[in-house]
Amino acid sequence: MELILEIKRLDNSEQPTTEVIMSTLRIALVIALTTTIAFAFACGGGGESIDYGYQGEPGAPGARAARGDSEGQFAVATVLVEKVVEVAVEKEVMEAEAMMAPATAAPTAAPMAMEMSEKLSAQNVDISFQPQNRIIVRNADMSVESHDPIATIDDIGDLAVGRGGWVVNSNTSDHGFYNITIRIPAETLDAVIEQITANVAKVISVNSDSTDFTEEYIDLGARRTTVQNTVDALSELLTSEKYESVNELLEVQREITNWQAELERIDGRLAFISESAAYSRLTINVNRSPIPMRVDVGEDVHVGIGLGRKYTARFFPPEDYDNFEITWDFGDGSAPQTVYTGLRTEGEDGLLSVPVPHTYHSDEFAPHVVTVSIRAYSDRGLAEGEDQLWANVSELPRIDAFVTASQWDVEEGQPVTLTASFNHPDTLRNVRYSWDFRDGSSVVEGTVASDDTGVEIEHVFDRHRPESYKIVFEIRGDSDAGEVEETHFAHV
């Protein structure tokens, strides 16, 4: 059994054939058995009687037969031992071959295992970058107002340092506008924005954006490996002294320099992406909170559809504020109108804005809210204010009038009676009329009572002329939407 184990040990390194194993065992066992039997016969020939189970005197047939049988038994025993050994060896060899099978198959399985490992590794390139491992760069911009912008800038800088970040830059201007840019750990961005919001007078806007650099980062990593391998190969070529001239040496050195520059560029980009993902950029524009300014746009107005009107406002800026931005929004969906001039008026405080005309073309959604917003600028900052009024838009009342005469052909110095008839809308007030005979006489004016729908007048033309006189009758009245008038012509 120890021999079998030794053969197994040798088999693992040299792998002898089954025939060699069996031949070796046969020889070893036959030699051992022959030696044992020969030793036994030698001991028996020394005069000591050995009983093999056969009767007879020495020299008798039985005794000879016993000795002959003993020699035959030796040969038979040898054959049997060989058979037994052969069977045992075959069994041991079969077991040994079964144990050696995995080792024999290993050289074939190893490349397959390596191939599978490479495939899995290739798959892991895509699998390993799940959303939670993506390289996301988050940045944000804020616009805020503060009563003390300089103190706010200082507080934001201290906040960045306290959060493990730093101040990138900060700037101030001559018009009360300030800004600061900080870098803070990406995971603290939302908390920092909330803290800034809680400590300023007003947040005007907050804008944030996220950029995914995962694909670029992976591509750069693969590119870096390729470039590094190229640099290593060129460096090995440089040290191998396999070049034949100085020019070849210089060419290799130039190539190494070029590839190392590319490697440094890739490393710089990778470092930038990593740092950008780890630290978010936050830029804050800090405006000085505006000084309140009084603005007076006047009383509500009534306007007629299609009837233009001019709008003005009086405002009271702080002293030394002389740059203005006056914006009118008429509330009907039209574009706002902006002017930049304020006029001073005699005997009145404040400034009067330049008149801005506007016409409403529909009474849909009326009344409209008219808003005027005024901003005044100086080196000390901003002042602003606004005021509103209601614009009631409606159709203008309509007056229809016509004139009749007692006669259209009259003699010089002969009186003629003229009658003007018209409708009188209930929404009209202060209705008045006028007669102009165009003959050099004075214009005749009068008022109409609330229930009257006509007026009558007598007139004498003192001079004759070949052409007729053109008589002009006008009637007008006031309404909430504006003044209404009608003109009628007659020829006498």
Foldseek 3Di string as FASTA:
>chain_A
DVVLVVVLVVCLPPNDDLVVQLVVVLVVVLVVLVVVVVVVVVVCVPPDDDCPPWDDDPPDPRVVVVVVVVVVVSVVVSVVVSVVVVVVSVVSVVVSVVVCVVVVCVVVVVVVVVVVVVVVVVVCVVVVCDPVNFQKFKAKEWEAEAQDVVVLQVVLQVVQVVQVWHWPDKDDDLFQKIKTKIKHFPVCVVVSVVVSCVPGPGTPDMDMDMDTCRVVLVVLVVVLVVLVVVLVVLVCVLVVPPDDDVVVNVVSVVVNVVSVVVNVVSVVVNVVSVSSSGIYMYMYMYGYDAAEKDKAFDAAAEAEAPDKDWGKIFIADDPPFQWKWKWKDFQPPDDIDIDTDWDDDPPDHGTMDDIDMDHHNDQPPDFGKMKIKMWTTDSVHIYIDMDIYTYHYYHDDAKDKEKDKPDQDDDAFDKIKMKMFMDQDQQWPFKKKWKDQPQPDDIDIDTDDNPDGMDMDMDGRHDDDDFWTKMKMKMWTAGRNGIYMDIYIDTD
